[in-house]
Amino acid sequence: MVQKFLVLAAVVAIAWYGFKLFGRLDQQRKQKIARDEEADRKGIADTVQCSVCDAYVAEGAKNNCGKPNCPY
C-alpha cells in the first residue's frame, strides 16, 4: 500500500515539474520571438526622395551625397 502512494507521489511530481519545464521553454520561445521582431523593426526606416539629387534616403539622415545644395 505504501508503495502505491510513493509511485503516485512520484508520478504527480514528474507531471508537476514537467509542466513547469514546458512553461519555461514556452516563455523563452515567446521572448525570443519578441526580441527578433523588435530587432527587425529597428532596421526599417521611412525614406524620402531628395529634391536635388533624386536619391531616396532615410528620413532624418545626416549624410551628404556630395552634390551641391543637397540637404542630406
C-alpha atoms as a PDB file:
ATOM      1  CA  MET A   1       0.000   0.000   0.000  1.00  0.00           C
ATOM      2  CA  VAL A   2       2.833   2.393   0.837  1.00  0.00           C
ATOM      3  CA  GLN A   3       4.476   1.617  -2.484  1.00  0.00           C
ATOM      4  CA  LYS A   4       1.343   2.727  -4.348  1.00  0.00           C
ATOM      5  CA  PHE A   5       1.403   6.092  -2.574  1.00  0.00           C
ATOM      6  CA  LEU A   6       5.099   6.534  -3.345  1.00  0.00           C
ATOM      7  CA  VAL A   7       4.543   5.741  -7.017  1.00  0.00           C
ATOM      8  CA  LEU A   8       1.573   8.096  -7.126  1.00  0.00           C
ATOM      9  CA  ALA A   9       3.617  10.866  -5.488  1.00  0.00           C
ATOM     10  CA  ALA A  10       6.438  10.297  -7.989  1.00  0.00           C
ATOM     11  CA  VAL A  11       4.033  10.484 -10.935  1.00  0.00           C
ATOM     12  CA  VAL A  12       2.479  13.681  -9.602  1.00  0.00           C
ATOM     13  CA  ALA A  13       5.945  15.210  -9.022  1.00  0.00           C
ATOM     14  CA  ILE A  14       7.106  14.294 -12.526  1.00  0.00           C
ATOM     15  CA  ALA A  15       3.962  15.778 -14.065  1.00  0.00           C
ATOM     16  CA  TRP A  16       4.290  18.967 -11.955  1.00  0.00           C
ATOM     17  CA  TYR A  17       7.929  19.594 -12.877  1.00  0.00           C
ATOM     18  CA  GLY A  18       7.253  18.629 -16.497  1.00  0.00           C
ATOM     19  CA  PHE A  19       4.573  21.309 -16.799  1.00  0.00           C
ATOM     20  CA  LYS A  20       6.890  23.850 -15.166  1.00  0.00           C
ATOM     21  CA  LEU A  21       9.650  22.975 -17.650  1.00  0.00           C
ATOM     22  CA  PHE A  22       7.341  23.270 -20.656  1.00  0.00           C
ATOM     23  CA  GLY A  23       6.038  26.594 -19.332  1.00  0.00           C
ATOM     24  CA  ARG A  24       9.577  27.982 -19.030  1.00  0.00           C
ATOM     25  CA  LEU A  25      10.502  26.787 -22.507  1.00  0.00           C
ATOM     26  CA  ASP A  26       7.365  28.384 -23.962  1.00  0.00           C
ATOM     27  CA  GLN A  27       8.108  31.673 -22.188  1.00  0.00           C
ATOM     28  CA  GLN A  28      11.686  31.693 -23.525  1.00  0.00           C
ATOM     29  CA  ARG A  29      10.407  30.996 -27.037  1.00  0.00           C
ATOM     30  CA  LYS A  30       7.956  33.911 -26.839  1.00  0.00           C
ATOM     31  CA  GLN A  31      10.666  36.240 -25.532  1.00  0.00           C
ATOM     32  CA  LYS A  32      12.982  35.261 -28.404  1.00  0.00           C
ATOM     33  CA  ILE A  33      10.231  35.927 -30.933  1.00  0.00           C
ATOM     34  CA  ALA A  34       9.558  39.335 -29.373  1.00  0.00           C
ATOM     35  CA  ARG A  35      13.292  40.223 -29.453  1.00  0.00           C
ATOM     36  CA  ASP A  36      13.578  39.138 -33.091  1.00  0.00           C
ATOM     37  CA  GLU A  37      10.528  41.199 -34.093  1.00  0.00           C
ATOM     38  CA  GLU A  38      11.893  44.249 -32.272  1.00  0.00           C
ATOM     39  CA  ALA A  39      15.267  43.862 -33.994  1.00  0.00           C
ATOM     40  CA  ASP A  40      13.520  43.646 -37.374  1.00  0.00           C
ATOM     41  CA  ARG A  41      11.587  46.850 -36.707  1.00  0.00           C
ATOM     42  CA  LYS A  42      14.750  48.748 -35.778  1.00  0.00           C
ATOM     43  CA  GLY A  43      16.269  48.028 -39.207  1.00  0.00           C
ATOM     44  CA  ILE A  44      13.359  49.612 -41.095  1.00  0.00           C
ATOM     45  CA  ALA A  45      13.215  53.340 -41.768  1.00  0.00           C
ATOM     46  CA  ASP A  46      10.963  55.557 -43.851  1.00  0.00           C
ATOM     47  CA  THR A  47      12.639  57.089 -46.884  1.00  0.00           C
ATOM     48  CA  VAL A  48      12.165  60.388 -48.654  1.00  0.00           C
ATOM     49  CA  GLN A  49      13.283  61.468 -52.100  1.00  0.00           C
ATOM     50  CA  CYS A  50      15.909  64.208 -52.221  1.00  0.00           C
ATOM     51  CA  SER A  51      14.711  67.195 -54.230  1.00  0.00           C
ATOM     52  CA  VAL A  52      18.239  67.876 -55.550  1.00  0.00           C
ATOM     53  CA  CYS A  53      19.769  64.515 -56.388  1.00  0.00           C
ATOM     54  CA  ASP A  54      16.568  62.374 -56.629  1.00  0.00           C
ATOM     55  CA  ALA A  55      18.096  59.719 -54.382  1.00  0.00           C
ATOM     56  CA  TYR A  56      15.999  58.050 -51.698  1.00  0.00           C
ATOM     57  CA  VAL A  57      17.496  58.469 -48.234  1.00  0.00           C
ATOM     58  CA  ALA A  58      16.379  57.585 -44.741  1.00  0.00           C
ATOM     59  CA  GLU A  59      14.177  60.261 -43.253  1.00  0.00           C
ATOM     60  CA  GLY A  60      16.261  62.452 -40.938  1.00  0.00           C
ATOM     61  CA  ALA A  61      19.567  61.169 -42.339  1.00  0.00           C
ATOM     62  CA  LYS A  62      22.611  63.375 -41.893  1.00  0.00           C
ATOM     63  CA  ASN A  63      24.658  62.024 -44.819  1.00  0.00           C
ATOM     64  CA  ASN A  64      25.526  64.370 -47.673  1.00  0.00           C
ATOM     65  CA  CYS A  65      25.682  62.798 -51.134  1.00  0.00           C
ATOM     66  CA  GLY A  66      28.326  65.304 -52.237  1.00  0.00           C
ATOM     67  CA  LYS A  67      26.211  67.216 -54.759  1.00  0.00           C
ATOM     68  CA  PRO A  68      25.864  70.970 -54.296  1.00  0.00           C
ATOM     69  CA  ASN A  69      22.799  72.090 -52.298  1.00  0.00           C
ATOM     70  CA  CYS A  70      21.935  68.548 -51.228  1.00  0.00           C
ATOM     71  CA  PRO A  71      20.117  68.766 -47.889  1.00  0.00           C
ATOM     72  CA  TYR A  72      21.146  65.245 -46.974  1.00  0.00           C
END
